[in-house]
Amino acid sequence: MFMNPSLVFDIICTGIWAVLAVRYARKGMLASLVQIAGNFISLLGAGRFAAWGSAAVFERFFAGGFRDAIAGTIASGGGIDLSAIAAEYAGFLPESFRQSIVEAFQRSLSAALAGNALLAADAIVQNILMPLLTPVISIVLFFVAYSLFRMLVSLLVTVLGLVNRLPVIGAVNRALGFAMGGAASLMDVFLLLCVVWALMVVTGGGISWLNEAALGGSFYYKAFSLLNPFV
């Protein structure tokens, strides 16, 4: 029997949340509380770092090469096909996303490309390729930074988990841990949603059960869309 992808996705997310909630709860209140704070700081810090670093990485490692290649094509009389340029350098992204960037820049094309080939190439890089590729770079930086932050948090949580071995304090710590565990696991579900969104971008929505249309009705995906750190 066919099931709605959004419903299946919500069931999976709820199951993951429940399993992780119990896992965190067993570590106790102190460890779960640090896990919540650590997860939140990790997500926030990774998001801020990715937003700042993506533009810097693009300009440092990619912009110059793109600029020279496009300027060479224009100077040799190859003409300017913005859609073709976007497809060549960011063809792995959804076509609708590429076209929205191209069409927005197309309106000011005549003024931006009135100068020489180098100025035209720079305008294309800054107004088309940069908006297309920085979200992808941001995704990579986000997960790298998040992994490093979580590594530090995990070390501290492991140490605090030892409190459970104390006679009276340990019992109270374990009891209150169940309330904290539910909140802590929500952070991991949010990270899962970040991974799902990244896969949707990389695959260009080409997977029938992994695109906006399939997951648009999901409660979790709707909530994530309001807090998406990549857009």
C-alpha atoms as a PDB file:
ATOM      1  CA  MET A   1       0.000   0.000   0.000  1.00  0.00           C
ATOM      2  CA  PHE A   2       1.385   3.398  -1.005  1.00  0.00           C
ATOM      3  CA  MET A   3       2.099   5.820   1.811  1.00  0.00           C
ATOM      4  CA  ASN A   4       2.550   9.561   1.571  1.00  0.00           C
ATOM      5  CA  PRO A   5       6.313  10.382   1.656  1.00  0.00           C
ATOM      6  CA  SER A   6       5.624  13.265   4.047  1.00  0.00           C
ATOM      7  CA  LEU A   7       3.882  10.942   6.506  1.00  0.00           C
ATOM      8  CA  VAL A   8       6.658   8.351   6.284  1.00  0.00           C
ATOM      9  CA  PHE A   9       9.250  11.070   6.834  1.00  0.00           C
ATOM     10  CA  ASP A  10       7.420  12.359   9.922  1.00  0.00           C
ATOM     11  CA  ILE A  11       7.204   8.825  11.346  1.00  0.00           C
ATOM     12  CA  ILE A  12      10.943   8.289  10.803  1.00  0.00           C
ATOM     13  CA  CYS A  13      11.829  11.637  12.417  1.00  0.00           C
ATOM     14  CA  THR A  14       9.574  10.900  15.397  1.00  0.00           C
ATOM     15  CA  GLY A  15      11.144   7.466  15.827  1.00  0.00           C
ATOM     16  CA  ILE A  16      14.651   8.930  15.728  1.00  0.00           C
ATOM     17  CA  TRP A  17      13.628  11.610  18.225  1.00  0.00           C
ATOM     18  CA  ALA A  18      12.226   8.996  20.647  1.00  0.00           C
ATOM     19  CA  VAL A  19      15.273   6.732  20.466  1.00  0.00           C
ATOM     20  CA  LEU A  20      17.697   9.610  20.972  1.00  0.00           C
ATOM     21  CA  ALA A  21      15.581  11.044  23.806  1.00  0.00           C
ATOM     22  CA  VAL A  22      15.888   7.788  25.755  1.00  0.00           C
ATOM     23  CA  ARG A  23      19.604   7.601  24.984  1.00  0.00           C
ATOM     24  CA  TYR A  24      20.215  11.119  26.297  1.00  0.00           C
ATOM     25  CA  ALA A  25      17.958  10.551  29.293  1.00  0.00           C
ATOM     26  CA  ARG A  26      20.089   7.646  30.474  1.00  0.00           C
ATOM     27  CA  LYS A  27      23.055  10.001  30.720  1.00  0.00           C
ATOM     28  CA  GLY A  28      21.224  12.087  33.320  1.00  0.00           C
ATOM     29  CA  MET A  29      20.015  15.657  33.671  1.00  0.00           C
ATOM     30  CA  LEU A  30      23.406  17.360  33.839  1.00  0.00           C
ATOM     31  CA  ALA A  31      24.758  15.602  30.768  1.00  0.00           C
ATOM     32  CA  SER A  32      21.508  16.187  28.838  1.00  0.00           C
ATOM     33  CA  LEU A  33      21.440  19.845  29.839  1.00  0.00           C
ATOM     34  CA  VAL A  34      25.000  20.295  28.576  1.00  0.00           C
ATOM     35  CA  GLN A  35      24.025  18.346  25.452  1.00  0.00           C
ATOM     36  CA  ILE A  36      21.152  20.758  24.775  1.00  0.00           C
ATOM     37  CA  ALA A  37      23.323  23.831  25.281  1.00  0.00           C
ATOM     38  CA  GLY A  38      26.181  22.269  23.340  1.00  0.00           C
ATOM     39  CA  ASN A  39      23.972  21.213  20.429  1.00  0.00           C
ATOM     40  CA  PHE A  40      22.410  24.659  20.244  1.00  0.00           C
ATOM     41  CA  ILE A  41      25.767  26.427  20.366  1.00  0.00           C
ATOM     42  CA  SER A  42      27.161  23.975  17.822  1.00  0.00           C
ATOM     43  CA  LEU A  43      24.286  24.593  15.394  1.00  0.00           C
ATOM     44  CA  LEU A  44      24.390  28.348  15.895  1.00  0.00           C
ATOM     45  CA  GLY A  45      28.171  28.558  15.702  1.00  0.00           C
ATOM     46  CA  ALA A  46      28.400  26.310  12.657  1.00  0.00           C
ATOM     47  CA  GLY A  47      25.657  28.293  10.928  1.00  0.00           C
ATOM     48  CA  ARG A  48      27.348  31.627  11.601  1.00  0.00           C
ATOM     49  CA  PHE A  49      30.744  30.279  10.527  1.00  0.00           C
ATOM     50  CA  ALA A  50      29.303  28.802   7.324  1.00  0.00           C
ATOM     51  CA  ALA A  51      27.518  32.060   6.444  1.00  0.00           C
ATOM     52  CA  TRP A  52      30.704  34.054   6.980  1.00  0.00           C
ATOM     53  CA  GLY A  53      33.133  31.571   5.464  1.00  0.00           C
ATOM     54  CA  SER A  54      31.243  30.596   2.305  1.00  0.00           C
ATOM     55  CA  ALA A  55      31.723  33.984   0.628  1.00  0.00           C
ATOM     56  CA  ALA A  56      35.373  34.132   1.711  1.00  0.00           C
ATOM     57  CA  VAL A  57      36.094  30.618   0.396  1.00  0.00           C
ATOM     58  CA  PHE A  58      34.360  31.362  -2.905  1.00  0.00           C
ATOM     59  CA  GLU A  59      36.333  34.578  -3.421  1.00  0.00           C
ATOM     60  CA  ARG A  60      39.643  33.054  -2.332  1.00  0.00           C
ATOM     61  CA  PHE A  61      39.563  29.751  -4.214  1.00  0.00           C
ATOM     62  CA  PHE A  62      36.983  29.930  -7.015  1.00  0.00           C
ATOM     63  CA  ALA A  63      36.132  33.464  -8.140  1.00  0.00           C
ATOM     64  CA  GLY A  64      39.468  34.190  -9.851  1.00  0.00           C
ATOM     65  CA  GLY A  65      39.462  31.029 -11.947  1.00  0.00           C
ATOM     66  CA  PHE A  66      35.832  31.472 -12.971  1.00  0.00           C
ATOM     67  CA  ARG A  67      36.449  35.127 -13.838  1.00  0.00           C
ATOM     68  CA  ASP A  68      39.435  34.390 -16.069  1.00  0.00           C
ATOM     69  CA  ALA A  69      37.703  31.510 -17.861  1.00  0.00           C
ATOM     70  CA  ILE A  70      34.542  33.492 -18.590  1.00  0.00           C
ATOM     71  CA  ALA A  71      36.499  36.591 -19.632  1.00  0.00           C
ATOM     72  CA  GLY A  72      38.528  34.457 -22.039  1.00  0.00           C
ATOM     73  CA  THR A  73      35.377  33.042 -23.598  1.00  0.00           C
ATOM     74  CA  ILE A  74      33.843  36.504 -24.024  1.00  0.00           C
ATOM     75  CA  ALA A  75      37.046  38.013 -25.416  1.00  0.00           C
ATOM     76  CA  SER A  76      37.367  35.240 -27.991  1.00  0.00           C
ATOM     77  CA  GLY A  77      33.933  36.068 -29.329  1.00  0.00           C
ATOM     78  CA  GLY A  78      32.178  33.170 -27.676  1.00  0.00           C
ATOM     79  CA  GLY A  79      29.255  35.357 -26.691  1.00  0.00           C
ATOM     80  CA  ILE A  80      27.396  35.469 -23.399  1.00  0.00           C
ATOM     81  CA  ASP A  81      24.846  32.768 -22.623  1.00  0.00           C
ATOM     82  CA  LEU A  82      24.051  33.181 -18.944  1.00  0.00           C
ATOM     83  CA  SER A  83      22.021  29.982 -18.697  1.00  0.00           C
ATOM     84  CA  ALA A  84      24.836  27.980 -20.276  1.00  0.00           C
ATOM     85  CA  ILE A  85      27.397  29.534 -17.919  1.00  0.00           C
ATOM     86  CA  ALA A  86      25.248  28.716 -14.892  1.00  0.00           C
ATOM     87  CA  ALA A  87      24.770  25.141 -16.139  1.00  0.00           C
ATOM     88  CA  GLU A  88      28.495  24.685 -16.786  1.00  0.00           C
ATOM     89  CA  TYR A  89      29.688  25.769 -13.342  1.00  0.00           C
ATOM     90  CA  ALA A  90      26.648  24.875 -11.212  1.00  0.00           C
ATOM     91  CA  GLY A  91      24.895  22.229 -13.264  1.00  0.00           C
ATOM     92  CA  PHE A  92      24.406  19.974 -10.237  1.00  0.00           C
ATOM     93  CA  LEU A  93      21.949  22.475  -8.742  1.00  0.00           C
ATOM     94  CA  PRO A  94      18.216  22.468  -9.604  1.00  0.00           C
ATOM     95  CA  GLU A  95      17.482  24.169 -12.919  1.00  0.00           C
ATOM     96  CA  SER A  96      14.700  26.259 -11.393  1.00  0.00           C
ATOM     97  CA  PHE A  97      17.151  27.641  -8.815  1.00  0.00           C
ATOM     98  CA  ARG A  98      19.728  28.433 -11.516  1.00  0.00           C
ATOM     99  CA  GLN A  99      17.167  30.135 -13.706  1.00  0.00           C
ATOM    100  CA  SER A 100      15.841  32.309 -10.887  1.00  0.00           C
ATOM    101  CA  ILE A 101      19.357  33.721 -10.355  1.00  0.00           C
ATOM    102  CA  VAL A 102      19.958  34.137 -14.094  1.00  0.00           C
ATOM    103  CA  GLU A 103      16.642  35.912 -14.677  1.00  0.00           C
ATOM    104  CA  ALA A 104      17.233  38.286 -11.758  1.00  0.00           C
ATOM    105  CA  PHE A 105      20.591  39.323 -13.231  1.00  0.00           C
ATOM    106  CA  GLN A 106      19.269  39.379 -16.811  1.00  0.00           C
ATOM    107  CA  ARG A 107      17.279  42.519 -16.056  1.00  0.00           C
ATOM    108  CA  SER A 108      20.446  44.538 -15.447  1.00  0.00           C
ATOM    109  CA  LEU A 109      22.521  42.715 -18.044  1.00  0.00           C
ATOM    110  CA  SER A 110      22.966  45.569 -20.506  1.00  0.00           C
ATOM    111  CA  ALA A 111      24.336  47.961 -17.891  1.00  0.00           C
ATOM    112  CA  ALA A 112      26.555  45.394 -16.197  1.00  0.00           C
ATOM    113  CA  LEU A 113      28.093  44.134 -19.436  1.00  0.00           C
ATOM    114  CA  ALA A 114      28.568  47.489 -21.105  1.00  0.00           C
ATOM    115  CA  GLY A 115      32.320  47.447 -20.290  1.00  0.00           C
ATOM    116  CA  ASN A 116      35.083  45.098 -21.324  1.00  0.00           C
ATOM    117  CA  ALA A 117      35.239  41.312 -21.086  1.00  0.00           C
ATOM    118  CA  LEU A 118      36.886  41.297 -17.650  1.00  0.00           C
ATOM    119  CA  LEU A 119      34.225  43.576 -16.171  1.00  0.00           C
ATOM    120  CA  ALA A 120      31.515  41.456 -17.744  1.00  0.00           C
ATOM    121  CA  ALA A 121      33.064  38.265 -16.348  1.00  0.00           C
ATOM    122  CA  ASP A 122      33.331  39.800 -12.886  1.00  0.00           C
ATOM    123  CA  ALA A 123      29.669  40.823 -12.995  1.00  0.00           C
ATOM    124  CA  ILE A 124      28.645  37.289 -13.995  1.00  0.00           C
ATOM    125  CA  VAL A 125      30.761  35.702 -11.254  1.00  0.00           C
ATOM    126  CA  GLN A 126      29.442  38.038  -8.553  1.00  0.00           C
ATOM    127  CA  ASN A 127      25.795  38.040  -9.607  1.00  0.00           C
ATOM    128  CA  ILE A 128      25.264  34.487 -10.877  1.00  0.00           C
ATOM    129  CA  LEU A 129      27.953  32.025  -9.810  1.00  0.00           C
ATOM    130  CA  MET A 130      28.441  33.391  -6.306  1.00  0.00           C
ATOM    131  CA  PRO A 131      24.708  33.230  -5.354  1.00  0.00           C
ATOM    132  CA  LEU A 132      24.545  29.730  -6.861  1.00  0.00           C
ATOM    133  CA  LEU A 133      27.642  28.204  -5.270  1.00  0.00           C
ATOM    134  CA  THR A 134      27.967  29.860  -1.867  1.00  0.00           C
ATOM    135  CA  PRO A 135      25.011  27.875  -0.434  1.00  0.00           C
ATOM    136  CA  VAL A 136      26.793  24.657  -1.420  1.00  0.00           C
ATOM    137  CA  ILE A 137      30.055  25.844   0.161  1.00  0.00           C
ATOM    138  CA  SER A 138      28.052  26.898   3.208  1.00  0.00           C
ATOM    139  CA  ILE A 139      26.665  23.370   3.596  1.00  0.00           C
ATOM    140  CA  VAL A 140      30.164  21.858   3.583  1.00  0.00           C
ATOM    141  CA  LEU A 141      31.527  24.403   6.075  1.00  0.00           C
ATOM    142  CA  PHE A 142      28.495  23.939   8.310  1.00  0.00           C
ATOM    143  CA  PHE A 143      28.964  20.192   8.719  1.00  0.00           C
ATOM    144  CA  VAL A 144      32.724  20.471   9.203  1.00  0.00           C
ATOM    145  CA  ALA A 145      32.336  23.124  11.917  1.00  0.00           C
ATOM    146  CA  TYR A 146      29.413  21.304  13.534  1.00  0.00           C
ATOM    147  CA  SER A 147      31.390  18.070  13.744  1.00  0.00           C
ATOM    148  CA  LEU A 148      34.240  19.823  15.533  1.00  0.00           C
ATOM    149  CA  PHE A 149      31.913  21.560  17.989  1.00  0.00           C
ATOM    150  CA  ARG A 150      30.042  18.338  18.747  1.00  0.00           C
ATOM    151  CA  MET A 151      33.284  16.497  19.388  1.00  0.00           C
ATOM    152  CA  LEU A 152      34.066  18.908  22.218  1.00  0.00           C
ATOM    153  CA  VAL A 153      30.527  18.697  23.588  1.00  0.00           C
ATOM    154  CA  SER A 154      30.626  14.883  23.570  1.00  0.00           C
ATOM    155  CA  LEU A 155      33.779  14.868  25.666  1.00  0.00           C
ATOM    156  CA  LEU A 156      32.151  17.066  28.313  1.00  0.00           C
ATOM    157  CA  VAL A 157      28.930  15.020  28.283  1.00  0.00           C
ATOM    158  CA  THR A 158      30.900  11.816  28.840  1.00  0.00           C
ATOM    159  CA  VAL A 159      32.540  13.302  31.925  1.00  0.00           C
ATOM    160  CA  LEU A 160      29.216  14.557  33.354  1.00  0.00           C
ATOM    161  CA  GLY A 161      27.650  11.139  32.804  1.00  0.00           C
ATOM    162  CA  LEU A 162      29.793   9.878  35.672  1.00  0.00           C
ATOM    163  CA  VAL A 163      27.528  11.802  38.081  1.00  0.00           C
ATOM    164  CA  ASN A 164      24.958   9.001  37.688  1.00  0.00           C
ATOM    165  CA  ARG A 165      27.225   6.735  39.743  1.00  0.00           C
ATOM    166  CA  LEU A 166      26.779   8.862  42.866  1.00  0.00           C
ATOM    167  CA  PRO A 167      24.230   7.313  45.339  1.00  0.00           C
ATOM    168  CA  VAL A 168      21.534   9.990  45.853  1.00  0.00           C
ATOM    169  CA  ILE A 169      22.504  12.710  43.391  1.00  0.00           C
ATOM    170  CA  GLY A 170      22.858  10.101  40.671  1.00  0.00           C
ATOM    171  CA  ALA A 171      19.268   8.886  41.128  1.00  0.00           C
ATOM    172  CA  VAL A 172      17.862  12.422  40.922  1.00  0.00           C
ATOM    173  CA  ASN A 173      20.080  13.177  37.958  1.00  0.00           C
ATOM    174  CA  ARG A 174      18.782  10.122  36.084  1.00  0.00           C
ATOM    175  CA  ALA A 175      15.132  10.913  36.858  1.00  0.00           C
ATOM    176  CA  LEU A 176      15.331  14.476  35.608  1.00  0.00           C
ATOM    177  CA  GLY A 177      17.323  13.323  32.615  1.00  0.00           C
ATOM    178  CA  PHE A 178      14.218  12.125  30.790  1.00  0.00           C
ATOM    179  CA  ALA A 179      12.827  15.656  30.533  1.00  0.00           C
ATOM    180  CA  MET A 180      16.116  17.024  29.213  1.00  0.00           C
ATOM    181  CA  GLY A 181      16.631  14.100  26.851  1.00  0.00           C
ATOM    182  CA  GLY A 182      13.558  14.961  24.793  1.00  0.00           C
ATOM    183  CA  ALA A 183      14.767  18.505  24.217  1.00  0.00           C
ATOM    184  CA  ALA A 184      18.326  17.446  23.440  1.00  0.00           C
ATOM    185  CA  SER A 185      17.223  14.966  20.790  1.00  0.00           C
ATOM    186  CA  LEU A 186      15.359  17.703  18.909  1.00  0.00           C
ATOM    187  CA  MET A 187      18.725  19.224  18.021  1.00  0.00           C
ATOM    188  CA  ASP A 188      19.801  15.972  16.388  1.00  0.00           C
ATOM    189  CA  VAL A 189      16.558  15.780  14.414  1.00  0.00           C
ATOM    190  CA  PHE A 190      17.256  19.311  13.183  1.00  0.00           C
ATOM    191  CA  LEU A 191      20.703  18.175  12.042  1.00  0.00           C
ATOM    192  CA  LEU A 192      19.078  15.275  10.193  1.00  0.00           C
ATOM    193  CA  LEU A 193      16.844  17.766   8.417  1.00  0.00           C
ATOM    194  CA  CYS A 194      19.938  19.753   7.417  1.00  0.00           C
ATOM    195  CA  VAL A 195      21.343  16.587   5.834  1.00  0.00           C
ATOM    196  CA  VAL A 196      18.070  15.913   4.009  1.00  0.00           C
ATOM    197  CA  TRP A 197      17.979  19.463   2.646  1.00  0.00           C
ATOM    198  CA  ALA A 198      21.609  19.184   1.518  1.00  0.00           C
ATOM    199  CA  LEU A 199      20.815  15.945  -0.336  1.00  0.00           C
ATOM    200  CA  MET A 200      17.849  17.633  -2.012  1.00  0.00           C
ATOM    201  CA  VAL A 201      20.122  20.421  -3.241  1.00  0.00           C
ATOM    202  CA  VAL A 202      22.880  18.087  -4.447  1.00  0.00           C
ATOM    203  CA  THR A 203      20.452  15.779  -6.287  1.00  0.00           C
ATOM    204  CA  GLY A 204      18.532  18.711  -7.733  1.00  0.00           C
ATOM    205  CA  GLY A 205      15.237  17.276  -6.515  1.00  0.00           C
ATOM    206  CA  GLY A 206      15.654  14.415  -8.964  1.00  0.00           C
ATOM    207  CA  ILE A 207      14.715  11.705  -6.427  1.00  0.00           C
ATOM    208  CA  SER A 208      10.946  11.213  -6.444  1.00  0.00           C
ATOM    209  CA  TRP A 209      10.659  10.813  -2.668  1.00  0.00           C
ATOM    210  CA  LEU A 210      13.306  13.404  -1.776  1.00  0.00           C
ATOM    211  CA  ASN A 211      12.183  16.788  -3.088  1.00  0.00           C
ATOM    212  CA  GLU A 212      10.010  19.756  -2.150  1.00  0.00           C
ATOM    213  CA  ALA A 213       6.872  18.218  -3.661  1.00  0.00           C
ATOM    214  CA  ALA A 214       7.241  14.923  -1.793  1.00  0.00           C
ATOM    215  CA  LEU A 215       8.143  16.353   1.621  1.00  0.00           C
ATOM    216  CA  GLY A 216       6.193  19.598   1.425  1.00  0.00           C
ATOM    217  CA  GLY A 217       3.460  18.229   3.693  1.00  0.00           C
ATOM    218  CA  SER A 218       5.832  17.016   6.398  1.00  0.00           C
ATOM    219  CA  PHE A 219       5.445  18.690   9.786  1.00  0.00           C
ATOM    220  CA  TYR A 220       9.173  18.420  10.452  1.00  0.00           C
ATOM    221  CA  TYR A 221      10.166  19.756   7.040  1.00  0.00           C
ATOM    222  CA  LYS A 222       7.804  22.724   7.345  1.00  0.00           C
ATOM    223  CA  ALA A 223       9.298  23.592  10.723  1.00  0.00           C
ATOM    224  CA  PHE A 224      12.820  23.242   9.305  1.00  0.00           C
ATOM    225  CA  SER A 225      11.989  25.554   6.381  1.00  0.00           C
ATOM    226  CA  LEU A 226      11.315  28.359   8.844  1.00  0.00           C
ATOM    227  CA  LEU A 227      14.730  27.904  10.475  1.00  0.00           C
ATOM    228  CA  ASN A 228      16.832  26.793   7.482  1.00  0.00           C
ATOM    229  CA  PRO A 229      20.348  28.151   8.155  1.00  0.00           C
ATOM    230  CA  PHE A 230      21.438  27.854   4.525  1.00  0.00           C
ATOM    231  CA  VAL A 231      18.977  30.274   2.893  1.00  0.00           C
END
